[in-house]
Amino acid sequence: MGKKSGALVHWLLLLSTLLTHVLVDVEAHNYFPKTKVVISNQIEGGPKLLVHCKSSEDDLGVRWLDPGQSFVWTVPQSFFVYTEYFCAFRWEDGAHLVWFDIYKPERDHIVCKLCQWAIRRDGPCLAVPGSKMCYHWTSHLQSVNKLF
């Protein structure tokens, strides 16, 4: 190996070591703001709401929410990963199961750091400063069946 290629390898190793230290520091000091997701049972008529939320890495479990009750969690963020969560819902007085991508980084990362979702019969609504963004339920039941 010549002097030039040896120096290049040396500089590349130095640069990769420096970059690794920077990334570790960024992760350790939580420079990435955390996003909090709040799901609130706002089903008209007051039935209990069954909620099951998951990501590809994390299952948040199944829970029943009383009318007006909320379920809250923090979405982990890092330099390389923005986690997506989806939830399945079923309310007490309805036999059908619906689901929705409750946190999609490309949709929600800029819009909210506190993503407050009101779950209603016709779909979930995200409260953002000055307005509400309401959506329809997703209808791919094959994916939902994996949840329960």
N, C-alpha and C. Protein backbone atom coordinates (compact mmCIF):
# COMPACT_ATOMS: atom_id res chain seq x y z
N MET A 1 0.86 -1.17 0.00
CA MET A 1 0.00 0.00 0.00
C MET A 1 0.91 1.24 0.00
N GLY A 2 0.60 2.19 -0.87
CA GLY A 2 1.38 3.40 -0.98
C GLY A 2 1.05 4.39 0.12
N LYS A 3 1.87 5.45 0.20
CA LYS A 3 1.66 6.48 1.22
C LYS A 3 0.31 7.17 1.06
N LYS A 4 -0.10 7.44 -0.20
CA LYS A 4 -1.37 8.13 -0.42
C LYS A 4 -2.56 7.28 0.01
N SER A 5 -2.57 6.00 -0.37
CA SER A 5 -3.70 5.15 0.01
C SER A 5 -3.70 4.89 1.51
N GLY A 6 -2.53 4.80 2.14
CA GLY A 6 -2.46 4.64 3.59
C GLY A 6 -3.01 5.85 4.31
N ALA A 7 -2.68 7.04 3.80
CA ALA A 7 -3.20 8.27 4.40
C ALA A 7 -4.71 8.37 4.22
N LEU A 8 -5.20 7.95 3.06
CA LEU A 8 -6.64 7.97 2.81
C LEU A 8 -7.37 7.05 3.77
N VAL A 9 -6.84 5.85 3.96
CA VAL A 9 -7.46 4.90 4.90
C VAL A 9 -7.44 5.49 6.31
N HIS A 10 -6.33 6.10 6.69
CA HIS A 10 -6.22 6.73 8.01
C HIS A 10 -7.29 7.81 8.19
N TRP A 11 -7.47 8.68 7.20
CA TRP A 11 -8.46 9.75 7.28
C TRP A 11 -9.88 9.20 7.28
N LEU A 12 -10.14 8.15 6.51
CA LEU A 12 -11.47 7.54 6.51
C LEU A 12 -11.79 6.93 7.87
N LEU A 13 -10.82 6.26 8.48
CA LEU A 13 -11.04 5.70 9.81
C LEU A 13 -11.28 6.81 10.84
N LEU A 14 -10.51 7.86 10.74
CA LEU A 14 -10.69 8.99 11.65
C LEU A 14 -12.07 9.63 11.47
N LEU A 15 -12.47 9.83 10.23
CA LEU A 15 -13.78 10.42 9.94
C LEU A 15 -14.91 9.52 10.43
N SER A 16 -14.83 8.21 10.20
CA SER A 16 -15.89 7.31 10.65
C SER A 16 -15.95 7.26 12.18
N THR A 17 -14.80 7.32 12.85
CA THR A 17 -14.78 7.35 14.32
C THR A 17 -15.43 8.62 14.84
N LEU A 18 -15.10 9.74 14.23
CA LEU A 18 -15.69 11.02 14.62
C LEU A 18 -17.20 11.02 14.41
N LEU A 19 -17.65 10.53 13.27
CA LEU A 19 -19.08 10.47 12.97
C LEU A 19 -19.80 9.56 13.97
N THR A 20 -19.19 8.44 14.31
CA THR A 20 -19.79 7.53 15.29
C THR A 20 -19.95 8.23 16.65
N HIS A 21 -18.94 8.96 17.08
CA HIS A 21 -19.03 9.68 18.36
C HIS A 21 -20.12 10.75 18.32
N VAL A 22 -20.26 11.43 17.22
CA VAL A 22 -21.30 12.46 17.09
C VAL A 22 -22.67 11.82 17.17
N LEU A 23 -22.89 10.72 16.46
CA LEU A 23 -24.19 10.05 16.47
C LEU A 23 -24.52 9.50 17.85
N VAL A 24 -23.55 8.93 18.53
CA VAL A 24 -23.78 8.42 19.89
C VAL A 24 -24.15 9.58 20.82
N ASP A 25 -23.48 10.71 20.69
CA ASP A 25 -23.78 11.88 21.51
C ASP A 25 -25.19 12.39 21.23
N VAL A 26 -25.57 12.44 19.97
CA VAL A 26 -26.92 12.89 19.59
C VAL A 26 -27.96 11.99 20.21
N GLU A 27 -27.77 10.67 20.11
CA GLU A 27 -28.73 9.72 20.68
C GLU A 27 -28.78 9.83 22.20
N ALA A 28 -27.60 9.93 22.84
CA ALA A 28 -27.53 9.94 24.31
C ALA A 28 -28.16 11.19 24.90
N HIS A 29 -28.10 12.31 24.21
CA HIS A 29 -28.63 13.56 24.76
C HIS A 29 -30.03 13.90 24.24
N ASN A 30 -30.64 12.97 23.54
CA ASN A 30 -32.02 13.15 23.07
C ASN A 30 -32.22 14.46 22.33
N TYR A 31 -31.37 14.72 21.35
CA TYR A 31 -31.52 15.92 20.54
C TYR A 31 -32.74 15.84 19.63
N PHE A 32 -33.30 14.64 19.49
CA PHE A 32 -34.48 14.48 18.67
C PHE A 32 -35.70 14.62 19.56
N PRO A 33 -36.56 15.58 19.29
CA PRO A 33 -37.73 15.77 20.15
C PRO A 33 -38.65 14.56 20.09
N LYS A 34 -39.14 14.17 21.24
CA LYS A 34 -40.03 13.02 21.31
C LYS A 34 -41.45 13.46 20.95
N THR A 35 -42.17 12.55 20.34
CA THR A 35 -43.56 12.79 20.00
C THR A 35 -44.43 11.98 20.95
N LYS A 36 -45.42 12.63 21.53
CA LYS A 36 -46.37 11.96 22.41
C LYS A 36 -47.66 11.75 21.63
N VAL A 37 -48.20 10.54 21.70
CA VAL A 37 -49.46 10.20 21.04
C VAL A 37 -50.51 9.97 22.12
N VAL A 38 -51.66 10.62 21.95
CA VAL A 38 -52.77 10.48 22.89
C VAL A 38 -53.98 10.01 22.09
N ILE A 39 -54.56 8.90 22.52
CA ILE A 39 -55.79 8.38 21.91
C ILE A 39 -56.90 8.51 22.95
N SER A 40 -57.97 9.19 22.58
CA SER A 40 -59.06 9.44 23.52
C SER A 40 -60.36 8.83 22.99
N ASN A 41 -61.08 8.14 23.84
CA ASN A 41 -62.36 7.54 23.47
C ASN A 41 -63.43 8.63 23.41
N GLN A 42 -63.78 9.04 22.21
CA GLN A 42 -64.82 10.04 21.98
C GLN A 42 -65.97 9.43 21.16
N ILE A 43 -66.18 8.11 21.32
CA ILE A 43 -67.25 7.42 20.59
C ILE A 43 -68.60 7.95 21.06
N GLU A 44 -69.40 8.37 20.09
CA GLU A 44 -70.72 8.90 20.39
C GLU A 44 -71.58 7.83 21.06
N GLY A 45 -72.32 8.20 22.08
CA GLY A 45 -73.20 7.27 22.78
C GLY A 45 -72.54 6.64 24.00
N GLY A 46 -71.25 6.83 24.17
CA GLY A 46 -70.56 6.42 25.39
C GLY A 46 -70.18 4.96 25.56
N PRO A 47 -69.93 4.17 24.50
CA PRO A 47 -69.49 2.80 24.74
C PRO A 47 -67.99 2.75 25.09
N LYS A 48 -67.59 1.65 25.71
CA LYS A 48 -66.16 1.42 25.93
C LYS A 48 -65.50 1.16 24.57
N LEU A 49 -64.19 1.46 24.50
CA LEU A 49 -63.43 1.32 23.26
C LEU A 49 -62.27 0.37 23.50
N LEU A 50 -62.19 -0.69 22.70
CA LEU A 50 -61.06 -1.61 22.73
C LEU A 50 -59.99 -1.07 21.80
N VAL A 51 -58.75 -0.95 22.30
CA VAL A 51 -57.64 -0.39 21.53
C VAL A 51 -56.46 -1.35 21.58
N HIS A 52 -55.86 -1.60 20.41
CA HIS A 52 -54.63 -2.38 20.35
C HIS A 52 -53.69 -1.70 19.36
N CYS A 53 -52.57 -1.17 19.86
CA CYS A 53 -51.62 -0.44 19.03
C CYS A 53 -50.29 -1.18 18.96
N LYS A 54 -49.68 -1.11 17.77
CA LYS A 54 -48.41 -1.79 17.54
C LYS A 54 -47.55 -1.00 16.56
N SER A 55 -46.26 -1.28 16.62
CA SER A 55 -45.33 -0.88 15.56
C SER A 55 -44.66 -2.17 15.11
N SER A 56 -43.73 -2.07 14.19
CA SER A 56 -43.03 -3.29 13.77
C SER A 56 -42.13 -3.82 14.89
N GLU A 57 -41.75 -2.97 15.85
CA GLU A 57 -40.87 -3.39 16.93
C GLU A 57 -41.55 -3.51 18.29
N ASP A 58 -42.72 -2.92 18.44
CA ASP A 58 -43.29 -2.77 19.78
C ASP A 58 -44.80 -3.02 19.76
N ASP A 59 -45.26 -3.87 20.67
CA ASP A 59 -46.69 -4.11 20.85
C ASP A 59 -47.10 -3.42 22.15
N LEU A 60 -47.97 -2.42 22.06
CA LEU A 60 -48.36 -1.64 23.23
C LEU A 60 -49.48 -2.31 24.04
N GLY A 61 -49.97 -3.44 23.56
CA GLY A 61 -50.96 -4.19 24.31
C GLY A 61 -52.39 -3.80 23.98
N VAL A 62 -53.30 -4.62 24.52
CA VAL A 62 -54.74 -4.41 24.32
C VAL A 62 -55.29 -3.79 25.59
N ARG A 63 -56.17 -2.79 25.41
CA ARG A 63 -56.76 -2.13 26.57
C ARG A 63 -58.16 -1.63 26.23
N TRP A 64 -58.99 -1.53 27.25
CA TRP A 64 -60.32 -0.94 27.13
C TRP A 64 -60.27 0.48 27.67
N LEU A 65 -60.83 1.41 26.90
CA LEU A 65 -60.92 2.80 27.35
C LEU A 65 -62.38 3.15 27.62
N ASP A 66 -62.65 3.66 28.80
CA ASP A 66 -63.98 4.15 29.12
C ASP A 66 -64.23 5.44 28.35
N PRO A 67 -65.49 5.89 28.21
CA PRO A 67 -65.76 7.15 27.53
C PRO A 67 -64.94 8.29 28.13
N GLY A 68 -64.27 9.05 27.28
CA GLY A 68 -63.45 10.17 27.71
C GLY A 68 -62.05 9.78 28.19
N GLN A 69 -61.81 8.51 28.42
CA GLN A 69 -60.50 8.05 28.89
C GLN A 69 -59.50 8.04 27.74
N SER A 70 -58.22 8.23 28.09
CA SER A 70 -57.16 8.29 27.08
C SER A 70 -56.08 7.26 27.33
N PHE A 71 -55.35 6.96 26.29
CA PHE A 71 -54.17 6.10 26.31
C PHE A 71 -53.04 6.92 25.70
N VAL A 72 -51.90 6.99 26.40
CA VAL A 72 -50.80 7.87 25.98
C VAL A 72 -49.51 7.06 25.90
N TRP A 73 -48.70 7.33 24.87
CA TRP A 73 -47.35 6.78 24.81
C TRP A 73 -46.46 7.74 24.03
N THR A 74 -45.16 7.52 24.16
CA THR A 74 -44.17 8.33 23.48
C THR A 74 -43.56 7.53 22.34
N VAL A 75 -43.49 8.14 21.18
CA VAL A 75 -42.90 7.50 20.01
C VAL A 75 -41.38 7.69 20.08
N PRO A 76 -40.63 6.59 20.06
CA PRO A 76 -39.17 6.74 20.08
C PRO A 76 -38.68 7.30 18.75
N GLN A 77 -37.79 8.25 18.80
CA GLN A 77 -37.19 8.85 17.60
C GLN A 77 -35.69 8.70 17.69
N SER A 78 -35.05 8.57 16.55
CA SER A 78 -33.60 8.54 16.51
C SER A 78 -33.13 9.14 15.20
N PHE A 79 -31.83 9.16 15.02
CA PHE A 79 -31.26 9.75 13.82
C PHE A 79 -31.69 8.99 12.57
N PHE A 80 -31.81 7.67 12.68
CA PHE A 80 -32.07 6.85 11.51
C PHE A 80 -33.50 6.34 11.42
N VAL A 81 -34.23 6.31 12.52
CA VAL A 81 -35.52 5.61 12.55
C VAL A 81 -36.64 6.52 13.03
N TYR A 82 -37.71 6.52 12.30
CA TYR A 82 -38.97 7.12 12.74
C TYR A 82 -40.00 5.99 12.73
N THR A 83 -40.46 5.62 13.89
CA THR A 83 -41.33 4.47 14.03
C THR A 83 -42.77 4.81 13.65
N GLU A 84 -43.41 3.90 12.93
CA GLU A 84 -44.82 4.04 12.54
C GLU A 84 -45.65 3.12 13.43
N TYR A 85 -46.79 3.62 13.91
CA TYR A 85 -47.71 2.84 14.74
C TYR A 85 -49.07 2.75 14.08
N PHE A 86 -49.69 1.58 14.21
CA PHE A 86 -51.07 1.44 13.77
C PHE A 86 -51.87 0.85 14.92
N CYS A 87 -53.17 1.16 14.94
CA CYS A 87 -54.04 0.69 16.01
C CYS A 87 -55.31 0.10 15.43
N ALA A 88 -55.80 -0.92 16.10
CA ALA A 88 -57.11 -1.50 15.80
C ALA A 88 -58.06 -1.07 16.90
N PHE A 89 -59.31 -0.84 16.52
CA PHE A 89 -60.32 -0.36 17.46
C PHE A 89 -61.60 -1.16 17.30
N ARG A 90 -62.28 -1.38 18.41
CA ARG A 90 -63.62 -1.98 18.41
C ARG A 90 -64.35 -1.38 19.59
N TRP A 91 -65.57 -0.89 19.35
CA TRP A 91 -66.31 -0.35 20.48
C TRP A 91 -67.35 -1.35 20.91
N GLU A 92 -67.70 -1.21 22.18
CA GLU A 92 -68.54 -2.15 22.90
C GLU A 92 -69.87 -2.45 22.21
N ASP A 93 -70.53 -1.44 21.67
CA ASP A 93 -71.85 -1.65 21.08
C ASP A 93 -71.79 -1.88 19.57
N GLY A 94 -70.62 -2.19 19.05
CA GLY A 94 -70.46 -2.46 17.63
C GLY A 94 -69.60 -3.69 17.44
N ALA A 95 -69.97 -4.54 16.52
CA ALA A 95 -69.25 -5.80 16.34
C ALA A 95 -68.06 -5.66 15.39
N HIS A 96 -67.99 -4.56 14.64
CA HIS A 96 -66.94 -4.47 13.64
C HIS A 96 -65.62 -3.96 14.22
N LEU A 97 -64.55 -4.33 13.54
CA LEU A 97 -63.20 -3.94 13.92
C LEU A 97 -62.66 -3.00 12.86
N VAL A 98 -62.08 -1.88 13.27
CA VAL A 98 -61.51 -0.91 12.33
C VAL A 98 -60.07 -0.66 12.74
N TRP A 99 -59.30 -0.12 11.80
CA TRP A 99 -57.92 0.23 12.15
C TRP A 99 -57.47 1.46 11.40
N PHE A 100 -56.34 2.02 11.91
CA PHE A 100 -55.82 3.25 11.34
C PHE A 100 -54.33 3.37 11.67
N ASP A 101 -53.55 3.92 10.74
CA ASP A 101 -52.14 4.22 10.99
C ASP A 101 -52.11 5.48 11.87
N ILE A 102 -52.02 5.28 13.17
CA ILE A 102 -52.21 6.38 14.12
C ILE A 102 -51.00 7.31 14.18
N TYR A 103 -49.82 6.79 13.87
CA TYR A 103 -48.65 7.67 13.79
C TYR A 103 -47.81 7.28 12.58
N LYS A 104 -47.81 8.16 11.59
CA LYS A 104 -47.00 7.99 10.39
C LYS A 104 -46.02 9.15 10.34
N PRO A 105 -44.73 8.88 10.45
CA PRO A 105 -43.76 9.98 10.49
C PRO A 105 -43.90 10.96 9.35
N GLU A 106 -44.11 10.47 8.13
CA GLU A 106 -44.19 11.39 6.99
C GLU A 106 -45.43 12.28 7.05
N ARG A 107 -46.47 11.85 7.74
CA ARG A 107 -47.69 12.65 7.89
C ARG A 107 -47.67 13.50 9.16
N ASP A 108 -47.16 12.94 10.26
CA ASP A 108 -47.35 13.56 11.57
C ASP A 108 -46.12 14.25 12.16
N HIS A 109 -44.94 13.91 11.72
CA HIS A 109 -43.72 14.42 12.35
C HIS A 109 -43.66 15.95 12.38
N ILE A 110 -44.05 16.58 11.30
CA ILE A 110 -44.03 18.04 11.22
C ILE A 110 -45.26 18.66 11.88
N VAL A 111 -46.39 17.96 11.81
CA VAL A 111 -47.68 18.51 12.25
C VAL A 111 -47.80 18.58 13.77
N CYS A 112 -47.28 17.56 14.48
CA CYS A 112 -47.52 17.53 15.92
C CYS A 112 -46.37 16.89 16.69
N LYS A 113 -46.11 17.43 17.84
CA LYS A 113 -45.23 16.80 18.84
C LYS A 113 -46.08 16.22 19.95
N LEU A 114 -47.31 16.70 20.04
CA LEU A 114 -48.34 16.12 20.89
C LEU A 114 -49.50 15.81 19.96
N CYS A 115 -49.57 14.55 19.54
CA CYS A 115 -50.60 14.12 18.57
C CYS A 115 -51.81 13.61 19.36
N GLN A 116 -52.86 14.44 19.41
CA GLN A 116 -54.05 14.11 20.19
C GLN A 116 -55.15 13.64 19.25
N TRP A 117 -55.48 12.36 19.37
CA TRP A 117 -56.48 11.73 18.51
C TRP A 117 -57.78 11.52 19.26
N ALA A 118 -58.88 12.01 18.70
CA ALA A 118 -60.23 11.72 19.20
C ALA A 118 -60.76 10.58 18.34
N ILE A 119 -61.04 9.45 18.97
CA ILE A 119 -61.57 8.28 18.24
C ILE A 119 -63.08 8.37 18.24
N ARG A 120 -63.64 8.40 17.01
CA ARG A 120 -65.09 8.53 16.81
C ARG A 120 -65.58 7.38 15.93
N ARG A 121 -66.88 7.20 15.86
CA ARG A 121 -67.43 6.12 15.03
C ARG A 121 -67.05 6.25 13.56
N ASP A 122 -67.03 7.49 13.05
CA ASP A 122 -66.77 7.69 11.62
C ASP A 122 -65.29 7.79 11.29
N GLY A 123 -64.41 7.81 12.31
CA GLY A 123 -62.98 7.85 12.06
C GLY A 123 -62.25 8.65 13.11
N PRO A 124 -60.93 8.58 13.10
CA PRO A 124 -60.13 9.33 14.06
C PRO A 124 -59.92 10.77 13.60
N CYS A 125 -59.86 11.69 14.57
CA CYS A 125 -59.60 13.11 14.28
C CYS A 125 -58.38 13.56 15.07
N LEU A 126 -57.43 14.17 14.37
CA LEU A 126 -56.22 14.70 14.98
C LEU A 126 -56.42 16.19 15.25
N ALA A 127 -56.26 16.57 16.51
CA ALA A 127 -56.38 17.98 16.87
C ALA A 127 -55.04 18.66 16.61
N VAL A 128 -55.04 19.64 15.75
CA VAL A 128 -53.85 20.45 15.48
C VAL A 128 -54.23 21.89 15.79
N PRO A 129 -53.24 22.73 16.10
CA PRO A 129 -53.57 24.11 16.46
C PRO A 129 -54.49 24.78 15.43
N GLY A 130 -55.65 25.19 15.89
CA GLY A 130 -56.58 25.92 15.05
C GLY A 130 -57.54 25.08 14.23
N SER A 131 -57.38 23.74 14.22
CA SER A 131 -58.32 22.93 13.43
C SER A 131 -58.23 21.46 13.83
N LYS A 132 -59.04 20.64 13.14
CA LYS A 132 -59.02 19.20 13.30
C LYS A 132 -58.82 18.59 11.94
N MET A 133 -58.04 17.52 11.88
CA MET A 133 -57.86 16.76 10.65
C MET A 133 -58.50 15.39 10.88
N CYS A 134 -59.63 15.14 10.22
CA CYS A 134 -60.34 13.88 10.42
C CYS A 134 -60.11 12.95 9.24
N TYR A 135 -60.07 11.66 9.54
CA TYR A 135 -59.76 10.63 8.55
C TYR A 135 -60.84 9.56 8.59
N HIS A 136 -60.84 8.72 7.57
CA HIS A 136 -61.72 7.55 7.52
C HIS A 136 -60.94 6.33 8.00
N TRP A 137 -61.68 5.34 8.47
CA TRP A 137 -61.05 4.10 8.90
C TRP A 137 -60.46 3.36 7.70
N THR A 138 -59.36 2.66 7.94
CA THR A 138 -58.75 1.81 6.92
C THR A 138 -59.54 0.51 6.88
N SER A 139 -59.69 -0.06 5.69
CA SER A 139 -60.58 -1.21 5.56
C SER A 139 -59.88 -2.53 5.24
N HIS A 140 -58.59 -2.64 5.47
CA HIS A 140 -57.87 -3.88 5.20
C HIS A 140 -57.91 -4.77 6.43
N LEU A 141 -58.96 -5.57 6.57
CA LEU A 141 -59.16 -6.36 7.77
C LEU A 141 -58.15 -7.48 7.94
N GLN A 142 -57.48 -7.92 6.87
CA GLN A 142 -56.49 -8.98 7.00
C GLN A 142 -55.38 -8.54 7.97
N SER A 143 -54.96 -7.28 7.88
CA SER A 143 -53.91 -6.77 8.76
C SER A 143 -54.39 -6.69 10.20
N VAL A 144 -55.65 -6.34 10.39
CA VAL A 144 -56.20 -6.18 11.73
C VAL A 144 -56.29 -7.51 12.44
N ASN A 145 -56.61 -8.57 11.72
CA ASN A 145 -56.77 -9.87 12.35
C ASN A 145 -55.49 -10.35 13.02
N LYS A 146 -54.34 -9.87 12.62
CA LYS A 146 -53.08 -10.22 13.27
C LYS A 146 -52.98 -9.62 14.67
N LEU A 147 -53.75 -8.59 14.93
CA LEU A 147 -53.66 -7.89 16.20
C LEU A 147 -54.34 -8.64 17.35
N PHE A 148 -55.46 -9.30 17.07
CA PHE A 148 -56.26 -9.88 18.15
C PHE A 148 -56.24 -11.38 18.12
